[in-house]
Amino acid sequence: MRKRSGFTLMEMILVVVIIGLLAALVLPRVVGWGKKARVVATSAQIASFKTALGGFERACGRFPTTGEGLLALVSRPPGLPSDAEWERFLDESTVPKDAWAREFIYRCPGSINTDGYDLLSAGYDGQEGTDDDIGNSIRR
């Protein structure tokens, strides 16, 4: 009598089911890490903007206007007085985007921080005013 080598159909199905169960348990955690990493990266970029905005305020006596936006941190805004000690306040040549490749929302004066500025990322859903927003102007 000849001995067969290999796996039976039941053994193969069992292996596929086990792999599926493991994937169902592990995949949500891995995806959650990616989301958390994007939130951390976006929060770090906002902290960098806050430092740069503080430098702009010290040099120019005010924060950039809403119209000037965050671009004022990388290129001198037109109409800025010649005696303003403007310099490039970010190392980048363009304004960085959030971790979802969207522009940050900047308003000065802010609608929430009326004596300063609102600065935020709309988060992973891209909608301002939802629970996933990240920034200094979050209404909870």
N, C-alpha and C. Protein backbone atom coordinates (compact mmCIF):
# COMPACT_ATOMS: atom_id res chain seq x y z
N MET A 1 0.83 -1.17 0.00
CA MET A 1 0.00 0.00 0.00
C MET A 1 0.88 1.24 0.00
N ARG A 2 0.51 2.19 -0.84
CA ARG A 2 1.28 3.41 -0.99
C ARG A 2 0.81 4.46 0.01
N LYS A 3 1.76 5.17 0.64
CA LYS A 3 1.44 6.20 1.62
C LYS A 3 1.33 7.54 0.90
N ARG A 4 0.28 8.30 1.20
CA ARG A 4 0.10 9.61 0.58
C ARG A 4 0.80 10.68 1.40
N SER A 5 1.36 11.66 0.68
CA SER A 5 1.93 12.81 1.39
C SER A 5 1.12 14.04 1.02
N GLY A 6 1.10 15.03 1.88
CA GLY A 6 0.33 16.25 1.62
C GLY A 6 -0.74 16.44 2.68
N PHE A 7 -1.56 17.46 2.46
CA PHE A 7 -2.60 17.82 3.43
C PHE A 7 -3.97 17.44 2.88
N THR A 8 -4.86 17.08 3.78
CA THR A 8 -6.24 16.81 3.36
C THR A 8 -6.97 18.13 3.21
N LEU A 9 -8.12 18.08 2.57
CA LEU A 9 -8.93 19.28 2.38
C LEU A 9 -9.32 19.88 3.72
N MET A 10 -9.66 19.06 4.69
CA MET A 10 -10.04 19.57 6.01
C MET A 10 -8.88 20.29 6.69
N GLU A 11 -7.69 19.76 6.57
CA GLU A 11 -6.52 20.42 7.16
C GLU A 11 -6.29 21.78 6.51
N MET A 12 -6.45 21.84 5.19
CA MET A 12 -6.27 23.11 4.48
C MET A 12 -7.32 24.14 4.92
N ILE A 13 -8.57 23.70 5.04
CA ILE A 13 -9.64 24.61 5.47
C ILE A 13 -9.37 25.10 6.88
N LEU A 14 -8.93 24.22 7.75
CA LEU A 14 -8.61 24.60 9.13
C LEU A 14 -7.50 25.65 9.17
N VAL A 15 -6.47 25.49 8.38
CA VAL A 15 -5.38 26.47 8.33
C VAL A 15 -5.88 27.82 7.83
N VAL A 16 -6.71 27.81 6.79
CA VAL A 16 -7.27 29.07 6.26
C VAL A 16 -8.13 29.76 7.31
N VAL A 17 -8.94 29.02 8.04
CA VAL A 17 -9.79 29.59 9.09
C VAL A 17 -8.92 30.20 10.19
N ILE A 18 -7.89 29.51 10.61
CA ILE A 18 -7.00 30.04 11.65
C ILE A 18 -6.32 31.32 11.19
N ILE A 19 -5.82 31.33 9.96
CA ILE A 19 -5.19 32.55 9.42
C ILE A 19 -6.20 33.69 9.36
N GLY A 20 -7.42 33.39 8.96
CA GLY A 20 -8.47 34.41 8.91
C GLY A 20 -8.78 34.99 10.28
N LEU A 21 -8.86 34.12 11.28
CA LEU A 21 -9.12 34.59 12.65
C LEU A 21 -7.97 35.46 13.16
N LEU A 22 -6.76 35.04 12.91
CA LEU A 22 -5.60 35.85 13.33
C LEU A 22 -5.60 37.20 12.64
N ALA A 23 -5.90 37.22 11.36
CA ALA A 23 -5.95 38.48 10.62
C ALA A 23 -7.05 39.39 11.18
N ALA A 24 -8.20 38.80 11.51
CA ALA A 24 -9.31 39.59 12.06
C ALA A 24 -8.95 40.20 13.41
N LEU A 25 -8.11 39.53 14.18
CA LEU A 25 -7.70 40.05 15.48
C LEU A 25 -6.57 41.06 15.38
N VAL A 26 -5.63 40.82 14.49
CA VAL A 26 -4.42 41.65 14.42
C VAL A 26 -4.61 42.88 13.53
N LEU A 27 -5.29 42.74 12.41
CA LEU A 27 -5.40 43.84 11.45
C LEU A 27 -5.98 45.12 12.03
N PRO A 28 -7.06 45.09 12.81
CA PRO A 28 -7.57 46.34 13.38
C PRO A 28 -6.55 47.06 14.26
N ARG A 29 -5.74 46.30 14.97
CA ARG A 29 -4.72 46.93 15.82
C ARG A 29 -3.65 47.59 14.97
N VAL A 30 -3.24 46.94 13.91
CA VAL A 30 -2.21 47.50 13.03
C VAL A 30 -2.74 48.76 12.35
N VAL A 31 -3.98 48.71 11.88
CA VAL A 31 -4.59 49.89 11.26
C VAL A 31 -4.70 51.01 12.29
N GLY A 32 -5.05 50.68 13.52
CA GLY A 32 -5.13 51.68 14.59
C GLY A 32 -3.80 52.34 14.86
N TRP A 33 -2.72 51.60 14.75
CA TRP A 33 -1.39 52.18 14.94
C TRP A 33 -1.10 53.21 13.86
N GLY A 34 -1.49 52.92 12.63
CA GLY A 34 -1.28 53.87 11.54
C GLY A 34 -2.03 55.17 11.78
N LYS A 35 -3.26 55.05 12.24
CA LYS A 35 -4.07 56.23 12.54
C LYS A 35 -3.44 57.03 13.68
N LYS A 36 -3.01 56.32 14.72
CA LYS A 36 -2.39 56.99 15.86
C LYS A 36 -1.09 57.68 15.45
N ALA A 37 -0.32 57.04 14.58
CA ALA A 37 0.93 57.64 14.11
C ALA A 37 0.66 58.92 13.33
N ARG A 38 -0.42 58.94 12.54
CA ARG A 38 -0.76 60.16 11.80
C ARG A 38 -1.19 61.28 12.74
N VAL A 39 -1.92 60.93 13.78
CA VAL A 39 -2.34 61.94 14.77
C VAL A 39 -1.11 62.53 15.46
N VAL A 40 -0.17 61.67 15.84
CA VAL A 40 1.06 62.13 16.50
C VAL A 40 1.87 63.02 15.56
N ALA A 41 2.02 62.62 14.30
CA ALA A 41 2.78 63.41 13.33
C ALA A 41 2.12 64.77 13.09
N THR A 42 0.80 64.79 12.99
CA THR A 42 0.08 66.05 12.78
C THR A 42 0.20 66.94 14.01
N SER A 43 0.10 66.38 15.20
CA SER A 43 0.27 67.16 16.43
C SER A 43 1.67 67.76 16.51
N ALA A 44 2.67 67.00 16.09
CA ALA A 44 4.04 67.51 16.09
C ALA A 44 4.19 68.67 15.10
N GLN A 45 3.54 68.57 13.94
CA GLN A 45 3.61 69.66 12.97
C GLN A 45 2.92 70.90 13.50
N ILE A 46 1.80 70.73 14.20
CA ILE A 46 1.11 71.88 14.80
C ILE A 46 2.01 72.54 15.84
N ALA A 47 2.72 71.75 16.64
CA ALA A 47 3.65 72.32 17.62
C ALA A 47 4.75 73.11 16.92
N SER A 48 5.22 72.62 15.79
CA SER A 48 6.23 73.34 15.01
C SER A 48 5.67 74.67 14.49
N PHE A 49 4.42 74.63 14.00
CA PHE A 49 3.77 75.86 13.55
C PHE A 49 3.63 76.86 14.69
N LYS A 50 3.25 76.39 15.88
CA LYS A 50 3.08 77.29 17.02
C LYS A 50 4.39 78.00 17.35
N THR A 51 5.49 77.27 17.31
CA THR A 51 6.80 77.88 17.56
C THR A 51 7.11 78.92 16.49
N ALA A 52 6.87 78.57 15.23
CA ALA A 52 7.13 79.49 14.12
C ALA A 52 6.22 80.71 14.19
N LEU A 53 4.96 80.52 14.55
CA LEU A 53 4.03 81.65 14.68
C LEU A 53 4.46 82.58 15.81
N GLY A 54 4.98 82.02 16.90
CA GLY A 54 5.52 82.85 17.98
C GLY A 54 6.70 83.68 17.50
N GLY A 55 7.58 83.08 16.69
CA GLY A 55 8.71 83.82 16.12
C GLY A 55 8.24 84.93 15.20
N PHE A 56 7.23 84.66 14.39
CA PHE A 56 6.67 85.68 13.50
C PHE A 56 6.12 86.83 14.32
N GLU A 57 5.39 86.51 15.38
CA GLU A 57 4.80 87.56 16.22
C GLU A 57 5.88 88.42 16.87
N ARG A 58 6.94 87.81 17.36
CA ARG A 58 8.03 88.59 17.97
C ARG A 58 8.72 89.48 16.94
N ALA A 59 8.91 88.97 15.75
CA ALA A 59 9.63 89.73 14.72
C ALA A 59 8.76 90.81 14.09
N CYS A 60 7.49 90.54 13.91
CA CYS A 60 6.62 91.44 13.15
C CYS A 60 5.59 92.17 14.00
N GLY A 61 5.49 91.81 15.27
CA GLY A 61 4.55 92.48 16.16
C GLY A 61 3.12 91.98 16.07
N ARG A 62 2.89 90.96 15.31
CA ARG A 62 1.55 90.40 15.14
C ARG A 62 1.67 89.01 14.54
N PHE A 63 0.55 88.28 14.58
CA PHE A 63 0.49 86.99 13.90
C PHE A 63 0.14 87.23 12.43
N PRO A 64 0.43 86.30 11.54
CA PRO A 64 -0.01 86.46 10.15
C PRO A 64 -1.54 86.53 10.10
N THR A 65 -2.05 87.31 9.17
CA THR A 65 -3.51 87.39 8.99
C THR A 65 -4.01 86.10 8.35
N THR A 66 -5.32 85.94 8.35
CA THR A 66 -5.91 84.78 7.68
C THR A 66 -5.52 84.77 6.21
N GLY A 67 -5.54 85.94 5.58
CA GLY A 67 -5.17 86.03 4.17
C GLY A 67 -3.72 85.66 3.91
N GLU A 68 -2.83 86.07 4.80
CA GLU A 68 -1.41 85.71 4.65
C GLU A 68 -1.20 84.23 4.93
N GLY A 69 -1.94 83.73 5.91
CA GLY A 69 -1.91 82.31 6.24
C GLY A 69 -0.55 81.82 6.70
N LEU A 70 -0.41 80.52 6.72
CA LEU A 70 0.84 79.90 7.15
C LEU A 70 1.95 80.11 6.14
N LEU A 71 1.61 80.52 4.93
CA LEU A 71 2.62 80.83 3.91
C LEU A 71 3.54 81.94 4.39
N ALA A 72 3.04 82.81 5.27
CA ALA A 72 3.86 83.90 5.81
C ALA A 72 5.04 83.39 6.63
N LEU A 73 5.02 82.12 6.98
CA LEU A 73 6.13 81.54 7.74
C LEU A 73 7.29 81.11 6.84
N VAL A 74 7.01 80.96 5.54
CA VAL A 74 8.06 80.52 4.61
C VAL A 74 8.39 81.54 3.54
N SER A 75 7.53 82.54 3.33
CA SER A 75 7.84 83.61 2.38
C SER A 75 7.26 84.93 2.89
N ARG A 76 8.05 85.98 2.75
CA ARG A 76 7.67 87.29 3.30
C ARG A 76 6.35 87.76 2.69
N PRO A 77 5.38 88.07 3.54
CA PRO A 77 4.08 88.52 3.03
C PRO A 77 4.20 89.90 2.39
N PRO A 78 3.52 90.14 1.29
CA PRO A 78 3.52 91.48 0.70
C PRO A 78 2.83 92.45 1.66
N GLY A 79 3.30 93.68 1.68
CA GLY A 79 2.70 94.68 2.55
C GLY A 79 3.22 94.69 3.96
N LEU A 80 4.12 93.79 4.29
CA LEU A 80 4.73 93.79 5.62
C LEU A 80 5.67 94.98 5.71
N PRO A 81 5.60 95.78 6.77
CA PRO A 81 6.48 96.95 6.87
C PRO A 81 7.95 96.57 6.68
N SER A 82 8.69 97.46 6.05
CA SER A 82 10.10 97.16 5.75
C SER A 82 10.94 97.01 7.02
N ASP A 83 10.50 97.62 8.13
CA ASP A 83 11.27 97.49 9.37
C ASP A 83 10.94 96.20 10.14
N ALA A 84 9.98 95.44 9.65
CA ALA A 84 9.66 94.15 10.29
C ALA A 84 10.83 93.20 10.08
N GLU A 85 11.22 92.55 11.14
CA GLU A 85 12.38 91.65 11.08
C GLU A 85 11.95 90.26 10.61
N TRP A 86 11.35 90.20 9.43
CA TRP A 86 10.88 88.91 8.92
C TRP A 86 12.06 88.03 8.53
N GLU A 87 11.90 86.77 8.77
CA GLU A 87 12.85 85.75 8.33
C GLU A 87 12.03 84.51 8.03
N ARG A 88 12.63 83.53 7.43
CA ARG A 88 11.92 82.27 7.19
C ARG A 88 11.79 81.58 8.55
N PHE A 89 10.57 81.32 8.95
CA PHE A 89 10.32 80.75 10.28
C PHE A 89 10.16 79.24 10.26
N LEU A 90 10.09 78.66 9.08
CA LEU A 90 10.08 77.20 8.92
C LEU A 90 11.20 76.83 7.95
N ASP A 91 11.80 75.68 8.15
CA ASP A 91 12.89 75.25 7.27
C ASP A 91 12.40 74.85 5.88
N GLU A 92 11.13 74.54 5.76
CA GLU A 92 10.59 74.10 4.48
C GLU A 92 10.45 75.26 3.50
N SER A 93 10.41 74.96 2.22
CA SER A 93 10.19 76.00 1.21
C SER A 93 8.70 76.15 0.91
N THR A 94 7.90 75.18 1.31
CA THR A 94 6.45 75.26 1.19
C THR A 94 5.84 74.92 2.55
N VAL A 95 4.60 75.27 2.72
CA VAL A 95 3.92 74.99 3.99
C VAL A 95 3.59 73.49 4.05
N PRO A 96 4.06 72.80 5.09
CA PRO A 96 3.76 71.37 5.21
C PRO A 96 2.26 71.12 5.34
N LYS A 97 1.84 69.95 4.90
CA LYS A 97 0.44 69.53 5.04
C LYS A 97 0.33 68.55 6.19
N ASP A 98 -0.89 68.26 6.59
CA ASP A 98 -1.07 67.31 7.68
C ASP A 98 -0.80 65.88 7.20
N ALA A 99 -0.91 64.93 8.08
CA ALA A 99 -0.57 63.55 7.76
C ALA A 99 -1.53 62.91 6.76
N TRP A 100 -2.64 63.57 6.47
CA TRP A 100 -3.59 63.09 5.47
C TRP A 100 -3.45 63.87 4.17
N ALA A 101 -2.33 64.62 4.04
CA ALA A 101 -2.00 65.40 2.83
C ALA A 101 -3.00 66.52 2.57
N ARG A 102 -3.57 67.07 3.65
CA ARG A 102 -4.48 68.21 3.52
C ARG A 102 -3.84 69.44 4.16
N GLU A 103 -4.24 70.60 3.67
CA GLU A 103 -3.72 71.84 4.25
C GLU A 103 -4.28 72.04 5.65
N PHE A 104 -3.47 72.64 6.51
CA PHE A 104 -3.93 73.01 7.84
C PHE A 104 -4.88 74.19 7.72
N ILE A 105 -5.78 74.31 8.67
CA ILE A 105 -6.73 75.43 8.72
C ILE A 105 -6.16 76.46 9.68
N TYR A 106 -6.00 77.70 9.18
CA TYR A 106 -5.43 78.78 10.00
C TYR A 106 -6.33 80.00 9.85
N ARG A 107 -6.69 80.59 10.98
CA ARG A 107 -7.49 81.83 10.99
C ARG A 107 -6.94 82.77 12.05
N CYS A 108 -6.75 84.01 11.68
CA CYS A 108 -6.32 85.03 12.64
C CYS A 108 -6.96 86.36 12.28
N PRO A 109 -7.77 86.91 13.16
CA PRO A 109 -8.08 86.40 14.49
C PRO A 109 -8.92 85.12 14.39
N GLY A 110 -8.78 84.31 15.40
CA GLY A 110 -9.50 83.05 15.40
C GLY A 110 -10.96 83.22 15.77
N SER A 111 -11.77 82.29 15.35
CA SER A 111 -13.18 82.33 15.74
C SER A 111 -13.38 81.72 17.12
N ILE A 112 -12.45 80.88 17.56
CA ILE A 112 -12.49 80.31 18.91
C ILE A 112 -11.49 81.03 19.80
N ASN A 113 -10.26 81.17 19.33
CA ASN A 113 -9.23 81.94 20.05
C ASN A 113 -9.23 83.36 19.49
N THR A 114 -10.17 84.16 19.94
CA THR A 114 -10.37 85.48 19.34
C THR A 114 -9.22 86.44 19.60
N ASP A 115 -8.42 86.19 20.63
CA ASP A 115 -7.27 87.06 20.90
C ASP A 115 -5.99 86.52 20.26
N GLY A 116 -6.09 85.48 19.50
CA GLY A 116 -4.94 84.87 18.84
C GLY A 116 -5.34 84.28 17.51
N TYR A 117 -5.04 83.01 17.33
CA TYR A 117 -5.32 82.35 16.06
C TYR A 117 -5.90 80.96 16.31
N ASP A 118 -6.62 80.48 15.33
CA ASP A 118 -7.08 79.09 15.30
C ASP A 118 -6.17 78.35 14.33
N LEU A 119 -5.68 77.20 14.74
CA LEU A 119 -4.82 76.38 13.90
C LEU A 119 -5.21 74.93 14.10
N LEU A 120 -5.63 74.26 13.04
CA LEU A 120 -6.04 72.88 13.20
C LEU A 120 -5.95 72.08 11.91
N SER A 121 -5.96 70.78 12.11
CA SER A 121 -6.11 69.81 11.03
C SER A 121 -7.51 69.24 11.17
N ALA A 122 -8.18 69.03 10.07
CA ALA A 122 -9.53 68.45 10.12
C ALA A 122 -9.49 66.95 10.39
N GLY A 123 -8.31 66.38 10.56
CA GLY A 123 -8.19 64.97 10.91
C GLY A 123 -8.47 64.03 9.76
N TYR A 124 -8.64 62.77 10.11
CA TYR A 124 -8.75 61.75 9.06
C TYR A 124 -10.02 61.86 8.23
N ASP A 125 -11.10 62.45 8.78
CA ASP A 125 -12.33 62.54 7.98
C ASP A 125 -12.36 63.79 7.09
N GLY A 126 -11.42 64.72 7.31
CA GLY A 126 -11.34 65.91 6.46
C GLY A 126 -12.43 66.94 6.72
N GLN A 127 -13.23 66.75 7.76
CA GLN A 127 -14.33 67.66 8.06
C GLN A 127 -14.03 68.45 9.33
N GLU A 128 -14.01 69.77 9.22
CA GLU A 128 -13.79 70.60 10.39
C GLU A 128 -15.00 70.52 11.31
N GLY A 129 -14.73 70.50 12.62
CA GLY A 129 -15.81 70.50 13.60
C GLY A 129 -16.23 69.12 14.07
N THR A 130 -15.48 68.09 13.69
CA THR A 130 -15.80 66.74 14.14
C THR A 130 -14.80 66.31 15.22
N ASP A 131 -15.05 65.18 15.84
CA ASP A 131 -14.25 64.73 16.99
C ASP A 131 -12.80 64.41 16.67
N ASP A 132 -12.48 64.21 15.41
CA ASP A 132 -11.10 63.84 15.08
C ASP A 132 -10.21 65.04 14.77
N ASP A 133 -10.74 66.27 14.90
CA ASP A 133 -9.93 67.47 14.65
C ASP A 133 -8.76 67.53 15.63
N ILE A 134 -7.65 68.08 15.15
CA ILE A 134 -6.43 68.20 15.95
C ILE A 134 -5.98 69.65 15.88
N GLY A 135 -5.76 70.30 17.03
CA GLY A 135 -5.26 71.67 16.98
C GLY A 135 -5.54 72.44 18.25
N ASN A 136 -5.36 73.77 18.14
CA ASN A 136 -5.53 74.63 19.30
C ASN A 136 -6.91 75.26 19.35
N SER A 137 -7.77 74.93 18.43
CA SER A 137 -9.07 75.59 18.35
C SER A 137 -10.21 74.58 18.27
N ILE A 138 -10.15 73.62 19.14
CA ILE A 138 -11.14 72.55 19.11
C ILE A 138 -12.24 72.84 20.12
N ARG A 139 -13.47 72.84 19.65
CA ARG A 139 -14.62 73.01 20.53
C ARG A 139 -15.14 71.63 20.86
N ARG A 140 -15.19 71.27 22.11
CA ARG A 140 -15.67 69.93 22.50
C ARG A 140 -16.99 70.04 23.21
